[in-house]
């Protein structure tokens, strides 16, 4: 199939340079790499890799508190849980 669509993106110059060096070592162009990415997304109907969120300061505090058993809310059952969520 002939390629007729164009994609224009903006990247940080150092990111573009470093990644294109990796593509060269792999023997593919940036265009081929993007095509591989698009085909993988199309096949999986999702991103072809897991997204791991980097927790923000608030999330890190909650995680530390939970590990230490601080600021926990205990529920007797599902109804109690919903009540305490105030939903």
N, C-alpha and C. Protein backbone atom coordinates (compact mmCIF):
# COMPACT_ATOMS: atom_id res chain seq x y z
N UNK A 1 0.85 -1.18 0.00
CA UNK A 1 0.00 0.00 0.00
C UNK A 1 0.89 1.24 0.00
N UNK A 2 0.56 2.18 -0.84
CA UNK A 2 1.35 3.41 -0.95
C UNK A 2 1.14 4.28 0.28
N UNK A 3 2.22 4.88 0.72
CA UNK A 3 2.14 5.78 1.86
C UNK A 3 1.71 7.16 1.36
N UNK A 4 0.57 7.62 1.85
CA UNK A 4 0.07 8.90 1.38
C UNK A 4 -0.25 9.87 2.51
N UNK A 5 -0.18 9.43 3.75
CA UNK A 5 -0.48 10.30 4.88
C UNK A 5 0.82 10.74 5.53
N UNK A 6 0.82 11.98 5.99
CA UNK A 6 2.00 12.51 6.67
C UNK A 6 1.68 12.75 8.14
N UNK A 7 2.70 12.63 8.95
CA UNK A 7 2.58 12.87 10.37
C UNK A 7 3.66 13.86 10.76
N UNK A 8 3.26 14.92 11.42
CA UNK A 8 4.24 15.91 11.87
C UNK A 8 4.18 15.98 13.38
N UNK A 9 5.33 15.79 14.01
CA UNK A 9 5.39 15.84 15.47
C UNK A 9 6.56 16.71 15.90
N UNK A 10 6.49 17.18 17.12
CA UNK A 10 7.59 17.95 17.68
C UNK A 10 8.15 17.19 18.87
N UNK A 11 9.47 17.06 18.90
CA UNK A 11 10.16 16.35 19.96
C UNK A 11 11.29 17.21 20.50
N UNK A 12 11.73 16.88 21.69
CA UNK A 12 12.93 17.51 22.22
C UNK A 12 14.09 17.06 21.34
N UNK A 13 14.96 17.99 20.92
CA UNK A 13 16.05 17.63 20.00
C UNK A 13 16.92 16.48 20.50
N UNK A 14 17.26 16.45 21.78
CA UNK A 14 18.14 15.37 22.27
C UNK A 14 17.41 14.03 22.24
N UNK A 15 16.11 14.03 22.49
CA UNK A 15 15.33 12.78 22.43
C UNK A 15 15.32 12.24 21.01
N UNK A 16 15.05 13.12 20.06
CA UNK A 16 15.03 12.73 18.65
C UNK A 16 16.38 12.15 18.23
N UNK A 17 17.43 12.84 18.59
CA UNK A 17 18.78 12.41 18.20
C UNK A 17 19.14 11.05 18.80
N UNK A 18 18.91 10.89 20.10
CA UNK A 18 19.27 9.64 20.75
C UNK A 18 18.45 8.46 20.23
N UNK A 19 17.17 8.67 20.03
CA UNK A 19 16.32 7.58 19.55
C UNK A 19 16.64 7.24 18.10
N UNK A 20 16.91 8.24 17.27
CA UNK A 20 17.27 7.95 15.88
C UNK A 20 18.59 7.20 15.79
N UNK A 21 19.51 7.45 16.73
CA UNK A 21 20.75 6.65 16.79
C UNK A 21 20.43 5.18 17.06
N UNK A 22 19.48 4.94 17.95
CA UNK A 22 19.05 3.56 18.25
C UNK A 22 18.41 2.94 17.02
N UNK A 23 17.55 3.69 16.33
CA UNK A 23 16.91 3.17 15.12
C UNK A 23 17.96 2.79 14.08
N UNK A 24 18.98 3.65 13.91
CA UNK A 24 20.05 3.35 12.94
C UNK A 24 20.73 2.03 13.29
N UNK A 25 21.00 1.82 14.58
CA UNK A 25 21.64 0.57 15.02
C UNK A 25 20.74 -0.64 14.76
N UNK A 26 19.42 -0.40 14.81
CA UNK A 26 18.46 -1.47 14.53
C UNK A 26 18.23 -1.65 13.03
N UNK A 27 18.72 -0.71 12.25
CA UNK A 27 18.57 -0.81 10.80
C UNK A 27 17.22 -0.36 10.28
N UNK A 28 16.54 0.52 11.04
CA UNK A 28 15.25 1.03 10.59
C UNK A 28 15.25 2.56 10.65
N UNK A 29 14.38 3.14 9.87
CA UNK A 29 14.22 4.60 9.88
C UNK A 29 13.19 5.00 10.94
N UNK A 30 13.15 6.28 11.23
CA UNK A 30 12.14 6.79 12.17
C UNK A 30 10.75 6.53 11.61
N UNK A 31 10.57 6.68 10.32
CA UNK A 31 9.28 6.43 9.68
C UNK A 31 8.86 4.97 9.84
N UNK A 32 9.81 4.06 9.64
CA UNK A 32 9.51 2.63 9.82
C UNK A 32 9.17 2.32 11.27
N UNK A 33 9.87 2.96 12.21
CA UNK A 33 9.60 2.73 13.63
C UNK A 33 8.19 3.22 14.00
N UNK A 34 7.82 4.38 13.49
CA UNK A 34 6.48 4.91 13.77
C UNK A 34 5.42 4.01 13.14
N UNK A 35 5.68 3.51 11.95
CA UNK A 35 4.74 2.59 11.30
C UNK A 35 4.58 1.32 12.12
N UNK A 36 5.69 0.78 12.64
CA UNK A 36 5.61 -0.40 13.51
C UNK A 36 4.77 -0.11 14.75
N UNK A 37 4.97 1.06 15.34
CA UNK A 37 4.20 1.45 16.51
C UNK A 37 2.72 1.53 16.17
N UNK A 38 2.37 2.21 15.09
CA UNK A 38 0.96 2.34 14.67
C UNK A 38 0.33 0.98 14.40
N UNK A 39 1.07 0.10 13.71
CA UNK A 39 0.52 -1.23 13.41
C UNK A 39 0.28 -2.03 14.70
N UNK A 40 1.19 -1.90 15.65
CA UNK A 40 1.02 -2.60 16.91
C UNK A 40 -0.19 -2.06 17.67
N UNK A 41 -0.37 -0.76 17.70
CA UNK A 41 -1.54 -0.16 18.35
C UNK A 41 -2.81 -0.65 17.66
N UNK A 42 -2.81 -0.68 16.34
CA UNK A 42 -3.98 -1.13 15.59
C UNK A 42 -4.30 -2.58 15.92
N UNK A 43 -3.27 -3.42 15.98
CA UNK A 43 -3.49 -4.84 16.26
C UNK A 43 -4.00 -5.07 17.68
N UNK A 44 -3.41 -4.39 18.66
CA UNK A 44 -3.79 -4.60 20.06
C UNK A 44 -4.98 -3.77 20.49
N UNK A 45 -5.30 -2.75 19.70
CA UNK A 45 -6.36 -1.80 20.09
C UNK A 45 -6.00 -1.14 21.43
N UNK A 46 -4.68 -0.97 21.62
CA UNK A 46 -4.17 -0.39 22.84
C UNK A 46 -2.70 -0.07 22.61
N UNK A 47 -2.08 0.57 23.58
CA UNK A 47 -0.64 0.80 23.47
C UNK A 47 0.09 -0.54 23.56
N UNK A 48 1.20 -0.69 22.86
CA UNK A 48 1.89 -1.98 22.84
C UNK A 48 2.82 -2.20 24.04
N UNK A 49 2.62 -1.43 25.09
CA UNK A 49 3.43 -1.56 26.29
C UNK A 49 2.62 -1.07 27.47
N UNK A 50 3.03 -1.49 28.67
CA UNK A 50 2.34 -1.05 29.88
C UNK A 50 2.75 0.37 30.23
N UNK A 51 1.80 1.11 30.72
CA UNK A 51 2.09 2.46 31.20
C UNK A 51 2.28 2.36 32.71
N UNK A 52 3.42 2.77 33.16
CA UNK A 52 3.68 2.79 34.59
C UNK A 52 3.74 4.24 35.02
N UNK A 53 2.74 4.63 35.78
CA UNK A 53 2.67 6.01 36.24
C UNK A 53 3.76 6.29 37.27
N UNK A 54 4.31 7.46 37.19
CA UNK A 54 5.24 7.93 38.19
C UNK A 54 4.41 8.64 39.25
N UNK A 55 4.39 8.12 40.46
CA UNK A 55 3.52 8.73 41.47
C UNK A 55 3.96 10.14 41.83
N UNK A 56 2.95 11.01 42.03
CA UNK A 56 3.25 12.36 42.48
C UNK A 56 3.46 12.36 43.99
N UNK A 57 3.77 13.51 44.56
CA UNK A 57 4.09 13.62 45.98
C UNK A 57 2.94 13.14 46.86
N UNK A 58 1.71 13.50 46.50
CA UNK A 58 0.55 13.09 47.30
C UNK A 58 0.39 11.57 47.30
N UNK A 59 0.53 10.97 46.13
CA UNK A 59 0.41 9.52 46.03
C UNK A 59 1.51 8.82 46.82
N UNK A 60 2.74 9.34 46.73
CA UNK A 60 3.85 8.75 47.48
C UNK A 60 3.59 8.82 48.98
N UNK A 61 3.02 9.94 49.46
CA UNK A 61 2.71 10.07 50.88
C UNK A 61 1.67 9.03 51.30
N UNK A 62 0.63 8.87 50.49
CA UNK A 62 -0.41 7.89 50.81
C UNK A 62 0.18 6.48 50.83
N UNK A 63 1.05 6.18 49.88
CA UNK A 63 1.68 4.87 49.83
C UNK A 63 2.54 4.63 51.08
N UNK A 64 3.31 5.64 51.50
CA UNK A 64 4.13 5.51 52.71
C UNK A 64 3.24 5.32 53.93
N UNK A 65 2.18 6.16 54.02
CA UNK A 65 1.26 6.05 55.15
C UNK A 65 0.63 4.66 55.21
N UNK A 66 0.21 4.15 54.08
CA UNK A 66 -0.41 2.83 54.02
C UNK A 66 0.58 1.75 54.47
N UNK A 67 1.82 1.84 53.97
CA UNK A 67 2.84 0.87 54.38
C UNK A 67 3.07 0.91 55.89
N UNK A 68 2.93 2.10 56.46
CA UNK A 68 3.16 2.28 57.90
C UNK A 68 1.89 2.10 58.72
N UNK A 69 0.79 1.80 58.06
CA UNK A 69 -0.47 1.61 58.77
C UNK A 69 -1.10 2.89 59.27
N UNK A 70 -0.75 4.02 58.70
CA UNK A 70 -1.27 5.33 59.11
C UNK A 70 -2.44 5.76 58.23
N UNK A 71 -3.36 6.52 58.82
CA UNK A 71 -4.47 7.15 58.09
C UNK A 71 -5.30 6.15 57.30
N UNK A 72 -5.47 4.97 57.82
CA UNK A 72 -6.27 3.95 57.15
C UNK A 72 -7.74 4.09 57.57
N UNK A 73 -8.62 3.75 56.67
CA UNK A 73 -10.05 3.73 56.96
C UNK A 73 -10.50 2.28 56.84
N UNK A 74 -11.01 1.75 57.93
CA UNK A 74 -11.48 0.37 57.92
C UNK A 74 -12.98 0.34 57.70
N UNK A 75 -13.43 -0.64 56.91
CA UNK A 75 -14.85 -0.79 56.60
C UNK A 75 -15.32 -2.17 57.02
N UNK A 76 -16.54 -2.22 57.51
CA UNK A 76 -17.12 -3.48 57.96
C UNK A 76 -17.63 -4.32 56.79
N UNK A 77 -18.15 -3.64 55.76
CA UNK A 77 -18.70 -4.33 54.60
C UNK A 77 -18.79 -3.32 53.46
N UNK A 78 -19.34 -3.76 52.33
CA UNK A 78 -19.42 -2.89 51.16
C UNK A 78 -20.28 -1.66 51.43
N UNK A 79 -21.40 -1.83 52.09
CA UNK A 79 -22.27 -0.69 52.40
C UNK A 79 -21.54 0.34 53.25
N UNK A 80 -20.78 -0.13 54.22
CA UNK A 80 -19.98 0.77 55.06
C UNK A 80 -18.94 1.49 54.21
N UNK A 81 -18.34 0.77 53.29
CA UNK A 81 -17.35 1.34 52.37
C UNK A 81 -17.97 2.48 51.57
N UNK A 82 -19.14 2.21 50.96
CA UNK A 82 -19.82 3.23 50.15
C UNK A 82 -20.19 4.44 51.01
N UNK A 83 -20.68 4.18 52.21
CA UNK A 83 -21.05 5.25 53.13
C UNK A 83 -19.85 6.13 53.46
N UNK A 84 -18.71 5.51 53.71
CA UNK A 84 -17.53 6.27 54.07
C UNK A 84 -16.96 7.04 52.87
N UNK A 85 -17.21 6.56 51.67
CA UNK A 85 -16.81 7.29 50.46
C UNK A 85 -17.72 8.49 50.19
N UNK A 86 -18.90 8.46 50.83
CA UNK A 86 -19.90 9.52 50.67
C UNK A 86 -20.35 9.64 49.22
N UNK A 87 -20.62 8.48 48.61
CA UNK A 87 -21.15 8.48 47.24
C UNK A 87 -22.53 7.90 47.21
